[in-house]
Amino acid sequence: MPVVNRLYGVIQEDAALKKDIKLMASGVGNNSKQLEAFRKVHRAKFPLISDEEGEVWTALGSPATPSMVVTTPAGKVLASHVGPIKDFDAFLKEIRELHKKQ
Protein backbone atom coordinates (compact mmCIF):
# COMPACT_ATOMS: atom_id res chain seq x y z
CA MET A 1 0.00 0.00 0.00
CA PRO A 2 2.80 2.50 0.66
CA VAL A 3 3.87 2.31 -3.00
CA VAL A 4 0.36 3.06 -4.29
CA ASN A 5 -0.04 5.89 -1.76
CA ARG A 6 3.30 7.28 -2.97
CA LEU A 7 2.23 7.01 -6.61
CA TYR A 8 -1.06 8.76 -5.81
CA GLY A 9 0.86 11.56 -4.07
CA VAL A 10 3.21 12.07 -7.03
CA ILE A 11 0.28 12.21 -9.46
CA GLN A 12 -1.56 14.72 -7.25
CA GLU A 13 1.52 16.96 -7.00
CA ASP A 14 2.15 17.04 -10.77
CA ALA A 15 -0.33 19.40 -12.43
CA ALA A 16 -0.18 17.70 -15.84
CA LEU A 17 -0.56 14.19 -14.46
CA LYS A 18 -3.27 15.25 -12.00
CA LYS A 19 -5.31 16.71 -14.86
CA ASP A 20 -5.19 13.58 -17.01
CA ILE A 21 -4.60 10.61 -14.70
CA LYS A 22 -6.86 9.48 -11.89
CA LEU A 23 -5.70 6.78 -9.52
CA MET A 24 -8.42 4.90 -7.69
CA ALA A 25 -8.98 1.38 -6.45
CA SER A 26 -11.92 -0.90 -7.04
CA GLY A 27 -12.92 -3.11 -4.13
CA VAL A 28 -14.16 -6.26 -5.86
CA GLY A 29 -16.95 -7.83 -3.81
CA ASN A 30 -16.67 -5.15 -1.13
CA ASN A 31 -19.27 -2.68 0.09
CA SER A 32 -18.51 0.88 1.20
CA LYS A 33 -18.27 -0.12 4.88
CA GLN A 34 -15.66 -2.77 4.07
CA LEU A 35 -13.73 -0.29 1.95
CA GLU A 36 -13.69 2.26 4.75
CA ALA A 37 -12.27 -0.39 7.10
CA PHE A 38 -9.65 -1.21 4.44
CA ARG A 39 -8.80 2.50 4.12
CA LYS A 40 -8.24 2.79 7.86
CA VAL A 41 -6.16 -0.38 8.20
CA HIS A 42 -3.98 0.31 5.15
CA ARG A 43 -4.07 4.13 5.36
CA ALA A 44 -5.11 4.37 1.70
CA LYS A 45 -4.97 7.97 0.49
CA PHE A 46 -6.55 7.35 -2.92
CA PRO A 47 -10.26 6.95 -3.71
CA LEU A 48 -11.75 3.51 -3.15
CA ILE A 49 -14.72 2.50 -5.30
CA SER A 50 -17.09 -0.26 -4.24
CA ASP A 51 -17.57 -3.01 -6.83
CA GLU A 52 -19.84 -5.35 -4.88
CA GLU A 53 -21.19 -7.13 -7.95
CA GLY A 54 -17.80 -7.29 -9.74
CA GLU A 55 -19.00 -5.25 -12.71
CA VAL A 56 -15.84 -3.14 -12.96
CA TRP A 57 -13.64 -6.17 -12.42
CA THR A 58 -15.49 -8.07 -15.17
CA ALA A 59 -15.33 -5.10 -17.56
CA LEU A 60 -11.55 -5.03 -17.07
CA GLY A 61 -11.32 -8.71 -18.02
CA SER A 62 -11.30 -10.17 -14.50
CA PRO A 63 -7.63 -9.43 -13.86
CA ALA A 64 -5.61 -10.84 -10.98
CA THR A 65 -5.28 -8.56 -7.98
CA PRO A 66 -3.64 -6.25 -7.49
CA SER A 67 -3.90 -4.85 -11.01
CA MET A 68 -3.50 -1.35 -12.36
CA VAL A 69 -4.89 0.03 -15.61
CA VAL A 70 -3.72 3.37 -17.01
CA THR A 71 -6.27 5.01 -19.29
CA THR A 72 -6.88 8.30 -21.06
CA PRO A 73 -9.76 10.46 -19.78
CA ALA A 74 -11.80 9.00 -22.66
CA GLY A 75 -11.15 5.48 -21.36
CA LYS A 76 -8.53 4.29 -23.88
CA VAL A 77 -6.25 1.79 -22.14
CA LEU A 78 -2.62 2.90 -22.38
CA ALA A 79 -1.07 0.25 -20.14
CA SER A 80 -1.83 -2.33 -17.52
CA HIS A 81 0.16 -3.84 -14.68
CA VAL A 82 -0.57 -6.98 -12.67
CA GLY A 83 0.98 -7.59 -9.28
CA PRO A 84 2.84 -5.36 -6.88
CA ILE A 85 4.87 -2.47 -8.24
CA LYS A 86 8.44 -3.64 -7.73
CA ASP A 87 10.28 -0.69 -9.29
CA PHE A 88 8.48 2.54 -8.42
CA ASP A 89 10.76 4.82 -10.45
CA ALA A 90 10.49 2.69 -13.60
CA PHE A 91 6.70 2.47 -13.27
CA LEU A 92 6.37 6.23 -12.78
CA LYS A 93 8.66 6.83 -15.77
CA GLU A 94 6.42 4.58 -17.88
CA ILE A 95 3.32 6.52 -16.79
CA ARG A 96 5.00 9.85 -17.60
CA GLU A 97 6.05 8.60 -21.06
CA LEU A 98 2.58 7.25 -21.81
CA HIS A 99 1.08 10.54 -20.67
CA LYS A 100 3.32 12.52 -23.05
CA LYS A 101 2.28 10.33 -26.01
CA GLN A 102 -1.47 10.68 -25.53
PDB file of N, CA and C in Angstrom:
ATOM      1  N   MET A   1       0.809  -1.197   0.000  1.00  0.00           N
ATOM      2  CA  MET A   1       0.000   0.000   0.000  1.00  0.00           C
ATOM      3  C   MET A   1       0.858   1.270   0.000  1.00  0.00           C
ATOM      4  N   PRO A   2       1.989   1.280   0.677  1.00  0.00           N
ATOM      5  CA  PRO A   2       2.804   2.504   0.661  1.00  0.00           C
ATOM      6  C   PRO A   2       3.217   2.931  -0.746  1.00  0.00           C
ATOM      7  N   VAL A   3       3.462   1.966  -1.636  1.00  0.00           N
ATOM      8  CA  VAL A   3       3.874   2.311  -3.001  1.00  0.00           C
ATOM      9  C   VAL A   3       2.731   2.985  -3.750  1.00  0.00           C
ATOM     10  N   VAL A   4       1.518   2.470  -3.591  1.00  0.00           N
ATOM     11  CA  VAL A   4       0.364   3.059  -4.286  1.00  0.00           C
ATOM     12  C   VAL A   4       0.050   4.431  -3.692  1.00  0.00           C
ATOM     13  N   ASN A   5       0.148   4.575  -2.376  1.00  0.00           N
ATOM     14  CA  ASN A   5      -0.035   5.894  -1.762  1.00  0.00           C
ATOM     15  C   ASN A   5       1.006   6.883  -2.293  1.00  0.00           C
ATOM     16  N   ARG A   6       2.233   6.416  -2.440  1.00  0.00           N
ATOM     17  CA  ARG A   6       3.298   7.283  -2.965  1.00  0.00           C
ATOM     18  C   ARG A   6       2.996   7.684  -4.407  1.00  0.00           C
ATOM     19  N   LEU A   7       2.573   6.726  -5.226  1.00  0.00           N
ATOM     20  CA  LEU A   7       2.228   7.015  -6.613  1.00  0.00           C
ATOM     21  C   LEU A   7       1.082   8.021  -6.677  1.00  0.00           C
ATOM     22  N   TYR A   8       0.073   7.825  -5.855  1.00  0.00           N
ATOM     23  CA  TYR A   8      -1.059   8.760  -5.810  1.00  0.00           C
ATOM     24  C   TYR A   8      -0.570  10.164  -5.457  1.00  0.00           C
ATOM     25  N   GLY A   9       0.313  10.266  -4.479  1.00  0.00           N
ATOM     26  CA  GLY A   9       0.857  11.559  -4.075  1.00  0.00           C
ATOM     27  C   GLY A   9       1.615  12.247  -5.189  1.00  0.00           C
ATOM     28  N   VAL A  10       2.437  11.492  -5.916  1.00  0.00           N
ATOM     29  CA  VAL A  10       3.206  12.067  -7.031  1.00  0.00           C
ATOM     30  C   VAL A  10       2.259  12.576  -8.113  1.00  0.00           C
ATOM     31  N   ILE A  11       1.244  11.791  -8.435  1.00  0.00           N
ATOM     32  CA  ILE A  11       0.277  12.211  -9.457  1.00  0.00           C
ATOM     33  C   ILE A  11      -0.441  13.483  -9.010  1.00  0.00           C
ATOM     34  N   GLN A  12      -0.845  13.546  -7.762  1.00  0.00           N
ATOM     35  CA  GLN A  12      -1.563  14.718  -7.254  1.00  0.00           C
ATOM     36  C   GLN A  12      -0.695  15.974  -7.233  1.00  0.00           C
ATOM     37  N   GLU A  13       0.611  15.814  -7.071  1.00  0.00           N
ATOM     38  CA  GLU A  13       1.521  16.959  -6.996  1.00  0.00           C
ATOM     39  C   GLU A  13       1.990  17.452  -8.365  1.00  0.00           C
ATOM     40  N   ASP A  14       1.748  16.675  -9.411  1.00  0.00           N
ATOM     41  CA  ASP A  14       2.155  17.040 -10.766  1.00  0.00           C
ATOM     42  C   ASP A  14       0.916  17.523 -11.517  1.00  0.00           C
ATOM     43  N   ALA A  15       0.869  18.810 -11.831  1.00  0.00           N
ATOM     44  CA  ALA A  15      -0.334  19.403 -12.427  1.00  0.00           C
ATOM     45  C   ALA A  15      -0.771  18.690 -13.708  1.00  0.00           C
ATOM     46  N   ALA A  16       0.168  18.347 -14.573  1.00  0.00           N
ATOM     47  CA  ALA A  16      -0.181  17.698 -15.839  1.00  0.00           C
ATOM     48  C   ALA A  16      -0.731  16.295 -15.604  1.00  0.00           C
ATOM     49  N   LEU A  17      -0.074  15.534 -14.745  1.00  0.00           N
ATOM     50  CA  LEU A  17      -0.563  14.189 -14.457  1.00  0.00           C
ATOM     51  C   LEU A  17      -1.902  14.242 -13.738  1.00  0.00           C
ATOM     52  N   LYS A  18      -2.031  15.148 -12.770  1.00  0.00           N
ATOM     53  CA  LYS A  18      -3.272  15.251 -11.998  1.00  0.00           C
ATOM     54  C   LYS A  18      -4.462  15.542 -12.906  1.00  0.00           C
ATOM     55  N   LYS A  19      -4.238  16.354 -13.933  1.00  0.00           N
ATOM     56  CA  LYS A  19      -5.307  16.710 -14.856  1.00  0.00           C
ATOM     57  C   LYS A  19      -5.786  15.503 -15.666  1.00  0.00           C
ATOM     58  N   ASP A  20      -4.858  14.649 -16.061  1.00  0.00           N
ATOM     59  CA  ASP A  20      -5.187  13.585 -17.012  1.00  0.00           C
ATOM     60  C   ASP A  20      -5.233  12.176 -16.442  1.00  0.00           C
ATOM     61  N   ILE A  21      -4.666  11.958 -15.256  1.00  0.00           N
ATOM     62  CA  ILE A  21      -4.602  10.605 -14.702  1.00  0.00           C
ATOM     63  C   ILE A  21      -5.267  10.576 -13.339  1.00  0.00           C
ATOM     64  N   LYS A  22      -6.176   9.655 -13.174  1.00  0.00           N
ATOM     65  CA  LYS A  22      -6.862   9.480 -11.892  1.00  0.00           C
ATOM     66  C   LYS A  22      -6.524   8.098 -11.357  1.00  0.00           C
ATOM     67  N   LEU A  23      -6.016   8.051 -10.154  1.00  0.00           N
ATOM     68  CA  LEU A  23      -5.700   6.780  -9.523  1.00  0.00           C
ATOM     69  C   LEU A  23      -6.784   6.494  -8.497  1.00  0.00           C
ATOM     70  N   MET A  24      -7.406   5.341  -8.636  1.00  0.00           N
ATOM     71  CA  MET A  24      -8.422   4.902  -7.686  1.00  0.00           C
ATOM     72  C   MET A  24      -8.381   3.388  -7.627  1.00  0.00           C
ATOM     73  N   ALA A  25      -8.946   2.835  -6.601  1.00  0.00           N
ATOM     74  CA  ALA A  25      -8.983   1.384  -6.452  1.00  0.00           C
ATOM     75  C   ALA A  25     -10.413   0.899  -6.442  1.00  0.00           C
ATOM     76  N   SER A  26     -10.611  -0.264  -7.016  1.00  0.00           N
ATOM     77  CA  SER A  26     -11.919  -0.898  -7.038  1.00  0.00           C
ATOM     78  C   SER A  26     -11.898  -2.066  -6.055  1.00  0.00           C
ATOM     79  N   GLY A  27     -12.819  -2.033  -5.115  1.00  0.00           N
ATOM     80  CA  GLY A  27     -12.917  -3.110  -4.125  1.00  0.00           C
ATOM     81  C   GLY A  27     -13.877  -4.181  -4.614  1.00  0.00           C
ATOM     82  N   VAL A  28     -13.338  -5.200  -5.277  1.00  0.00           N
ATOM     83  CA  VAL A  28     -14.164  -6.260  -5.858  1.00  0.00           C
ATOM     84  C   VAL A  28     -14.844  -7.059  -4.750  1.00  0.00           C
ATOM     85  N   GLY A  29     -16.174  -7.085  -4.788  1.00  0.00           N
ATOM     86  CA  GLY A  29     -16.949  -7.833  -3.807  1.00  0.00           C
ATOM     87  C   GLY A  29     -17.087  -7.134  -2.466  1.00  0.00           C
ATOM     88  N   ASN A  30     -16.627  -5.885  -2.391  1.00  0.00           N
ATOM     89  CA  ASN A  30     -16.668  -5.149  -1.129  1.00  0.00           C
ATOM     90  C   ASN A  30     -17.688  -4.023  -1.172  1.00  0.00           C
ATOM     91  N   ASN A  31     -18.354  -3.811  -0.025  1.00  0.00           N
ATOM     92  CA  ASN A  31     -19.269  -2.680   0.085  1.00  0.00           C
ATOM     93  C   ASN A  31     -18.517  -1.475   0.659  1.00  0.00           C
ATOM     94  N   SER A  32     -19.180  -0.348   0.747  1.00  0.00           N
ATOM     95  CA  SER A  32     -18.510   0.882   1.201  1.00  0.00           C
ATOM     96  C   SER A  32     -18.004   0.777   2.641  1.00  0.00           C
ATOM     97  N   LYS A  33     -18.715   0.057   3.495  1.00  0.00           N
ATOM     98  CA  LYS A  33     -18.270  -0.119   4.879  1.00  0.00           C
ATOM     99  C   LYS A  33     -16.964  -0.926   4.932  1.00  0.00           C
ATOM    100  N   GLN A  34     -16.882  -1.962   4.139  1.00  0.00           N
ATOM    101  CA  GLN A  34     -15.661  -2.769   4.074  1.00  0.00           C
ATOM    102  C   GLN A  34     -14.493  -1.952   3.521  1.00  0.00           C
ATOM    103  N   LEU A  35     -14.791  -1.124   2.529  1.00  0.00           N
ATOM    104  CA  LEU A  35     -13.728  -0.292   1.945  1.00  0.00           C
ATOM    105  C   LEU A  35     -13.229   0.746   2.947  1.00  0.00           C
ATOM    106  N   GLU A  36     -14.120   1.287   3.745  1.00  0.00           N
ATOM    107  CA  GLU A  36     -13.690   2.263   4.755  1.00  0.00           C
ATOM    108  C   GLU A  36     -12.794   1.585   5.793  1.00  0.00           C
ATOM    109  N   ALA A  37     -13.128   0.363   6.169  1.00  0.00           N
ATOM    110  CA  ALA A  37     -12.271  -0.393   7.096  1.00  0.00           C
ATOM    111  C   ALA A  37     -10.907  -0.648   6.457  1.00  0.00           C
ATOM    112  N   PHE A  38     -10.901  -1.002   5.168  1.00  0.00           N
ATOM    113  CA  PHE A  38      -9.648  -1.214   4.435  1.00  0.00           C
ATOM    114  C   PHE A  38      -8.818   0.069   4.427  1.00  0.00           C
ATOM    115  N   ARG A  39      -9.488   1.203   4.151  1.00  0.00           N
ATOM    116  CA  ARG A  39      -8.802   2.499   4.117  1.00  0.00           C
ATOM    117  C   ARG A  39      -8.107   2.777   5.449  1.00  0.00           C
ATOM    118  N   LYS A  40      -8.801   2.523   6.531  1.00  0.00           N
ATOM    119  CA  LYS A  40      -8.239   2.788   7.856  1.00  0.00           C
ATOM    120  C   LYS A  40      -7.059   1.874   8.164  1.00  0.00           C
ATOM    121  N   VAL A  41      -7.219   0.587   7.897  1.00  0.00           N
ATOM    122  CA  VAL A  41      -6.161  -0.382   8.199  1.00  0.00           C
ATOM    123  C   VAL A  41      -4.912  -0.125   7.365  1.00  0.00           C
ATOM    124  N   HIS A  42      -5.110   0.155   6.075  1.00  0.00           N
ATOM    125  CA  HIS A  42      -3.982   0.308   5.153  1.00  0.00           C
ATOM    126  C   HIS A  42      -3.593   1.763   4.886  1.00  0.00           C
ATOM    127  N   ARG A  43      -4.340   2.687   5.517  1.00  0.00           N
ATOM    128  CA  ARG A  43      -4.073   4.125   5.359  1.00  0.00           C
ATOM    129  C   ARG A  43      -4.054   4.556   3.887  1.00  0.00           C
ATOM    130  N   ALA A  44      -5.002   4.040   3.127  1.00  0.00           N
ATOM    131  CA  ALA A  44      -5.107   4.371   1.705  1.00  0.00           C
ATOM    132  C   ALA A  44      -5.486   5.832   1.537  1.00  0.00           C
ATOM    133  N   LYS A  45      -4.731   6.551   0.725  1.00  0.00           N
ATOM    134  CA  LYS A  45      -4.969   7.975   0.487  1.00  0.00           C
ATOM    135  C   LYS A  45      -5.769   8.221  -0.790  1.00  0.00           C
ATOM    136  N   PHE A  46      -5.881   7.232  -1.624  1.00  0.00           N
ATOM    137  CA  PHE A  46      -6.546   7.352  -2.916  1.00  0.00           C
ATOM    138  C   PHE A  46      -8.004   6.910  -2.804  1.00  0.00           C
ATOM    139  N   PRO A  47      -8.854   7.337  -3.748  1.00  0.00           N
ATOM    140  CA  PRO A  47     -10.265   6.949  -3.712  1.00  0.00           C
ATOM    141  C   PRO A  47     -10.448   5.436  -3.851  1.00  0.00           C
ATOM    142  N   LEU A  48     -11.392   4.919  -3.083  1.00  0.00           N
ATOM    143  CA  LEU A  48     -11.751   3.506  -3.147  1.00  0.00           C
ATOM    144  C   LEU A  48     -13.191   3.409  -3.638  1.00  0.00           C
ATOM    145  N   ILE A  49     -13.407   2.634  -4.684  1.00  0.00           N
ATOM    146  CA  ILE A  49     -14.722   2.502  -5.303  1.00  0.00           C
ATOM    147  C   ILE A  49     -15.257   1.105  -5.028  1.00  0.00           C
ATOM    148  N   SER A  50     -16.468   1.031  -4.503  1.00  0.00           N
ATOM    149  CA  SER A  50     -17.094  -0.262  -4.235  1.00  0.00           C
ATOM    150  C   SER A  50     -17.493  -0.935  -5.548  1.00  0.00           C
ATOM    151  N   ASP A  51     -17.182  -2.207  -5.672  1.00  0.00           N
ATOM    152  CA  ASP A  51     -17.567  -3.012  -6.834  1.00  0.00           C
ATOM    153  C   ASP A  51     -18.161  -4.322  -6.312  1.00  0.00           C
ATOM    154  N   GLU A  52     -19.235  -4.192  -5.550  1.00  0.00           N
ATOM    155  CA  GLU A  52     -19.843  -5.352  -4.882  1.00  0.00           C
ATOM    156  C   GLU A  52     -20.214  -6.470  -5.841  1.00  0.00           C
ATOM    157  N   GLU A  53     -20.735  -6.122  -6.992  1.00  0.00           N
ATOM    158  CA  GLU A  53     -21.190  -7.131  -7.953  1.00  0.00           C
ATOM    159  C   GLU A  53     -20.089  -7.562  -8.918  1.00  0.00           C
ATOM    160  N   GLY A  54     -18.912  -6.924  -8.856  1.00  0.00           N
ATOM    161  CA  GLY A  54     -17.803  -7.290  -9.735  1.00  0.00           C
ATOM    162  C   GLY A  54     -17.934  -6.779 -11.154  1.00  0.00           C
ATOM    163  N   GLU A  55     -18.781  -5.773 -11.359  1.00  0.00           N
ATOM    164  CA  GLU A  55     -19.004  -5.255 -12.710  1.00  0.00           C
ATOM    165  C   GLU A  55     -17.753  -4.594 -13.293  1.00  0.00           C
ATOM    166  N   VAL A  56     -17.066  -3.793 -12.487  1.00  0.00           N
ATOM    167  CA  VAL A  56     -15.838  -3.137 -12.958  1.00  0.00           C
ATOM    168  C   VAL A  56     -14.780  -4.193 -13.231  1.00  0.00           C
ATOM    169  N   TRP A  57     -14.615  -5.099 -12.290  1.00  0.00           N
ATOM    170  CA  TRP A  57     -13.640  -6.171 -12.421  1.00  0.00           C
ATOM    171  C   TRP A  57     -13.888  -6.980 -13.690  1.00  0.00           C
ATOM    172  N   THR A  58     -15.143  -7.315 -13.965  1.00  0.00           N
ATOM    173  CA  THR A  58     -15.492  -8.073 -15.169  1.00  0.00           C
ATOM    174  C   THR A  58     -15.215  -7.254 -16.425  1.00  0.00           C
ATOM    175  N   ALA A  59     -15.568  -5.966 -16.398  1.00  0.00           N
ATOM    176  CA  ALA A  59     -15.332  -5.099 -17.561  1.00  0.00           C
ATOM    177  C   ALA A  59     -13.842  -4.981 -17.883  1.00  0.00           C
ATOM    178  N   LEU A  60     -12.996  -5.104 -16.856  1.00  0.00           N
ATOM    179  CA  LEU A  60     -11.547  -5.034 -17.065  1.00  0.00           C
ATOM    180  C   LEU A  60     -10.951  -6.388 -17.447  1.00  0.00           C
ATOM    181  N   GLY A  61     -11.802  -7.392 -17.608  1.00  0.00           N
ATOM    182  CA  GLY A  61     -11.320  -8.707 -18.019  1.00  0.00           C
ATOM    183  C   GLY A  61     -10.975  -9.627 -16.871  1.00  0.00           C
ATOM    184  N   SER A  62     -11.520  -9.351 -15.692  1.00  0.00           N
ATOM    185  CA  SER A  62     -11.302 -10.171 -14.498  1.00  0.00           C
ATOM    186  C   SER A  62      -9.818 -10.389 -14.199  1.00  0.00           C
ATOM    187  N   PRO A  63      -9.064  -9.294 -14.085  1.00  0.00           N
ATOM    188  CA  PRO A  63      -7.625  -9.430 -13.859  1.00  0.00           C
ATOM    189  C   PRO A  63      -7.306  -9.935 -12.455  1.00  0.00           C
ATOM    190  N   ALA A  64      -6.095 -10.446 -12.305  1.00  0.00           N
ATOM    191  CA  ALA A  64      -5.613 -10.835 -10.982  1.00  0.00           C
ATOM    192  C   ALA A  64      -5.488  -9.573 -10.134  1.00  0.00           C
ATOM    193  N   THR A  65      -5.459  -9.734  -8.840  1.00  0.00           N
ATOM    194  CA  THR A  65      -5.284  -8.564  -7.978  1.00  0.00           C
ATOM    195  C   THR A  65      -3.960  -8.686  -7.241  1.00  0.00           C
ATOM    196  N   PRO A  66      -3.276  -7.588  -7.036  1.00  0.00           N
ATOM    197  CA  PRO A  66      -3.637  -6.246  -7.491  1.00  0.00           C
ATOM    198  C   PRO A  66      -3.318  -6.057  -8.975  1.00  0.00           C
ATOM    199  N   SER A  67      -4.107  -5.222  -9.604  1.00  0.00           N
ATOM    200  CA  SER A  67      -3.896  -4.847 -11.006  1.00  0.00           C
ATOM    201  C   SER A  67      -4.061  -3.350 -11.131  1.00  0.00           C
ATOM    202  N   MET A  68      -3.375  -2.777 -12.106  1.00  0.00           N
ATOM    203  CA  MET A  68      -3.495  -1.352 -12.357  1.00  0.00           C
ATOM    204  C   MET A  68      -3.694  -1.159 -13.853  1.00  0.00           C
ATOM    205  N   VAL A  69      -4.629  -0.299 -14.216  1.00  0.00           N
ATOM    206  CA  VAL A  69      -4.895   0.028 -15.606  1.00  0.00           C
ATOM    207  C   VAL A  69      -4.730   1.533 -15.756  1.00  0.00           C
ATOM    208  N   VAL A  70      -3.924   1.950 -16.733  1.00  0.00           N
ATOM    209  CA  VAL A  70      -3.716   3.367 -17.012  1.00  0.00           C
ATOM    210  C   VAL A  70      -4.495   3.688 -18.273  1.00  0.00           C
ATOM    211  N   THR A  71      -5.432   4.651 -18.154  1.00  0.00           N
ATOM    212  CA  THR A  71      -6.269   5.013 -19.293  1.00  0.00           C
ATOM    213  C   THR A  71      -6.224   6.507 -19.556  1.00  0.00           C
ATOM    214  N   THR A  72      -6.677   6.887 -20.754  1.00  0.00           N
ATOM    215  CA  THR A  72      -6.882   8.299 -21.057  1.00  0.00           C
ATOM    216  C   THR A  72      -8.198   8.721 -20.405  1.00  0.00           C
ATOM    217  N   PRO A  73      -8.461  10.028 -20.323  1.00  0.00           N
ATOM    218  CA  PRO A  73      -9.758  10.464 -19.783  1.00  0.00           C
ATOM    219  C   PRO A  73     -10.947   9.884 -20.556  1.00  0.00           C
ATOM    220  N   ALA A  74     -10.732   9.572 -21.840  1.00  0.00           N
ATOM    221  CA  ALA A  74     -11.802   9.000 -22.660  1.00  0.00           C
ATOM    222  C   ALA A  74     -11.949   7.495 -22.446  1.00  0.00           C
ATOM    223  N   GLY A  75     -11.046   6.888 -21.669  1.00  0.00           N
ATOM    224  CA  GLY A  75     -11.149   5.475 -21.365  1.00  0.00           C
ATOM    225  C   GLY A  75     -10.276   4.561 -22.206  1.00  0.00           C
ATOM    226  N   LYS A  76      -9.440   5.115 -23.085  1.00  0.00           N
ATOM    227  CA  LYS A  76      -8.534   4.290 -23.885  1.00  0.00           C
ATOM    228  C   LYS A  76      -7.441   3.731 -22.971  1.00  0.00           C
ATOM    229  N   VAL A  77      -7.263   2.421 -22.979  1.00  0.00           N
ATOM    230  CA  VAL A  77      -6.253   1.789 -22.141  1.00  0.00           C
ATOM    231  C   VAL A  77      -4.870   2.021 -22.752  1.00  0.00           C
ATOM    232  N   LEU A  78      -3.995   2.639 -21.948  1.00  0.00           N
ATOM    233  CA  LEU A  78      -2.623   2.896 -22.379  1.00  0.00           C
ATOM    234  C   LEU A  78      -1.677   1.805 -21.901  1.00  0.00           C
ATOM    235  N   ALA A  79      -1.935   1.285 -20.716  1.00  0.00           N
ATOM    236  CA  ALA A  79      -1.069   0.251 -20.143  1.00  0.00           C
ATOM    237  C   ALA A  79      -1.795  -0.450 -19.013  1.00  0.00           C
ATOM    238  N   SER A  80      -1.315  -1.630 -18.683  1.00  0.00           N
ATOM    239  CA  SER A  80      -1.833  -2.331 -17.518  1.00  0.00           C
ATOM    240  C   SER A  80      -0.671  -3.010 -16.801  1.00  0.00           C
ATOM    241  N   HIS A  81      -0.875  -3.230 -15.521  1.00  0.00           N
ATOM    242  CA  HIS A  81       0.162  -3.837 -14.684  1.00  0.00           C
ATOM    243  C   HIS A  81      -0.518  -4.771 -13.698  1.00  0.00           C
ATOM    244  N   VAL A  82      -0.019  -5.997 -13.612  1.00  0.00           N
ATOM    245  CA  VAL A  82      -0.566  -6.976 -12.675  1.00  0.00           C
ATOM    246  C   VAL A  82       0.494  -7.285 -11.627  1.00  0.00           C
ATOM    247  N   GLY A  83       0.069  -7.283 -10.375  1.00  0.00           N
ATOM    248  CA  GLY A  83       0.976  -7.595  -9.284  1.00  0.00           C
ATOM    249  C   GLY A  83       1.500  -6.339  -8.614  1.00  0.00           C
ATOM    250  N   PRO A  84       2.287  -6.520  -7.576  1.00  0.00           N
ATOM    251  CA  PRO A  84       2.839  -5.360  -6.878  1.00  0.00           C
ATOM    252  C   PRO A  84       3.807  -4.581  -7.775  1.00  0.00           C
ATOM    253  N   ILE A  85       3.915  -3.300  -7.522  1.00  0.00           N
ATOM    254  CA  ILE A  85       4.870  -2.466  -8.243  1.00  0.00           C
ATOM    255  C   ILE A  85       6.231  -2.682  -7.578  1.00  0.00           C
ATOM    256  N   LYS A  86       7.139  -3.308  -8.298  1.00  0.00           N
ATOM    257  CA  LYS A  86       8.443  -3.639  -7.726  1.00  0.00           C
ATOM    258  C   LYS A  86       9.469  -2.530  -7.912  1.00  0.00           C
ATOM    259  N   ASP A  87       9.343  -1.776  -9.016  1.00  0.00           N
ATOM    260  CA  ASP A  87      10.283  -0.687  -9.294  1.00  0.00           C
ATOM    261  C   ASP A  87       9.473   0.596  -9.484  1.00  0.00           C
ATOM    262  N   PHE A  88       9.303   1.339  -8.401  1.00  0.00           N
ATOM    263  CA  PHE A  88       8.479   2.539  -8.417  1.00  0.00           C
ATOM    264  C   PHE A  88       8.939   3.523  -9.481  1.00  0.00           C
ATOM    265  N   ASP A  89      10.239   3.821  -9.516  1.00  0.00           N
ATOM    266  CA  ASP A  89      10.758   4.823 -10.453  1.00  0.00           C
ATOM    267  C   ASP A  89      10.518   4.423 -11.901  1.00  0.00           C
ATOM    268  N   ALA A  90      10.719   3.161 -12.231  1.00  0.00           N
ATOM    269  CA  ALA A  90      10.486   2.692 -13.598  1.00  0.00           C
ATOM    270  C   ALA A  90       9.002   2.771 -13.959  1.00  0.00           C
ATOM    271  N   PHE A  91       8.140   2.417 -13.010  1.00  0.00           N
ATOM    272  CA  PHE A  91       6.703   2.470 -13.269  1.00  0.00           C
ATOM    273  C   PHE A  91       6.241   3.909 -13.472  1.00  0.00           C
ATOM    274  N   LEU A  92       6.723   4.822 -12.636  1.00  0.00           N
ATOM    275  CA  LEU A  92       6.370   6.232 -12.781  1.00  0.00           C
ATOM    276  C   LEU A  92       6.891   6.777 -14.107  1.00  0.00           C
ATOM    277  N   LYS A  93       8.104   6.393 -14.492  1.00  0.00           N
ATOM    278  CA  LYS A  93       8.663   6.830 -15.774  1.00  0.00           C
ATOM    279  C   LYS A  93       7.772   6.360 -16.926  1.00  0.00           C
ATOM    280  N   GLU A  94       7.309   5.114 -16.846  1.00  0.00           N
ATOM    281  CA  GLU A  94       6.418   4.584 -17.882  1.00  0.00           C
ATOM    282  C   GLU A  94       5.121   5.396 -17.953  1.00  0.00           C
ATOM    283  N   ILE A  95       4.553   5.721 -16.810  1.00  0.00           N
ATOM    284  CA  ILE A  95       3.322   6.519 -16.788  1.00  0.00           C
ATOM    285  C   ILE A  95       3.575   7.895 -17.407  1.00  0.00           C
ATOM    286  N   ARG A  96       4.679   8.527 -17.046  1.00  0.00           N
ATOM    287  CA  ARG A  96       4.998   9.850 -17.604  1.00  0.00           C
ATOM    288  C   ARG A  96       5.176   9.783 -19.128  1.00  0.00           C
ATOM    289  N   GLU A  97       5.852   8.746 -19.615  1.00  0.00           N
ATOM    290  CA  GLU A  97       6.054   8.595 -21.060  1.00  0.00           C
ATOM    291  C   GLU A  97       4.737   8.351 -21.788  1.00  0.00           C
ATOM    292  N   LEU A  98       3.897   7.495 -21.218  1.00  0.00           N
ATOM    293  CA  LEU A  98       2.581   7.253 -21.815  1.00  0.00           C
ATOM    294  C   LEU A  98       1.738   8.518 -21.825  1.00  0.00           C
ATOM    295  N   HIS A  99       1.832   9.288 -20.765  1.00  0.00           N
ATOM    296  CA  HIS A  99       1.085  10.538 -20.669  1.00  0.00           C
ATOM    297  C   HIS A  99       1.515  11.515 -21.750  1.00  0.00           C
ATOM    298  N   LYS A 100       2.810  11.616 -22.004  1.00  0.00           N
ATOM    299  CA  LYS A 100       3.319  12.520 -23.047  1.00  0.00           C
ATOM    300  C   LYS A 100       2.831  12.131 -24.426  1.00  0.00           C
ATOM    301  N   LYS A 101       2.666  10.835 -24.678  1.00  0.00           N
ATOM    302  CA  LYS A 101       2.278  10.332 -26.011  1.00  0.00           C
ATOM    303  C   LYS A 101       0.792  10.490 -26.298  1.00  0.00           C
ATOM    304  N   GLN A 102      -0.018  10.650 -25.289  1.00  0.00           N
ATOM    305  CA  GLN A 102      -1.469  10.681 -25.534  1.00  0.00           C
ATOM    306  C   GLN A 102      -1.952  11.936 -26.197  1.00  0.00           C
TER     307      GLN A 102
END
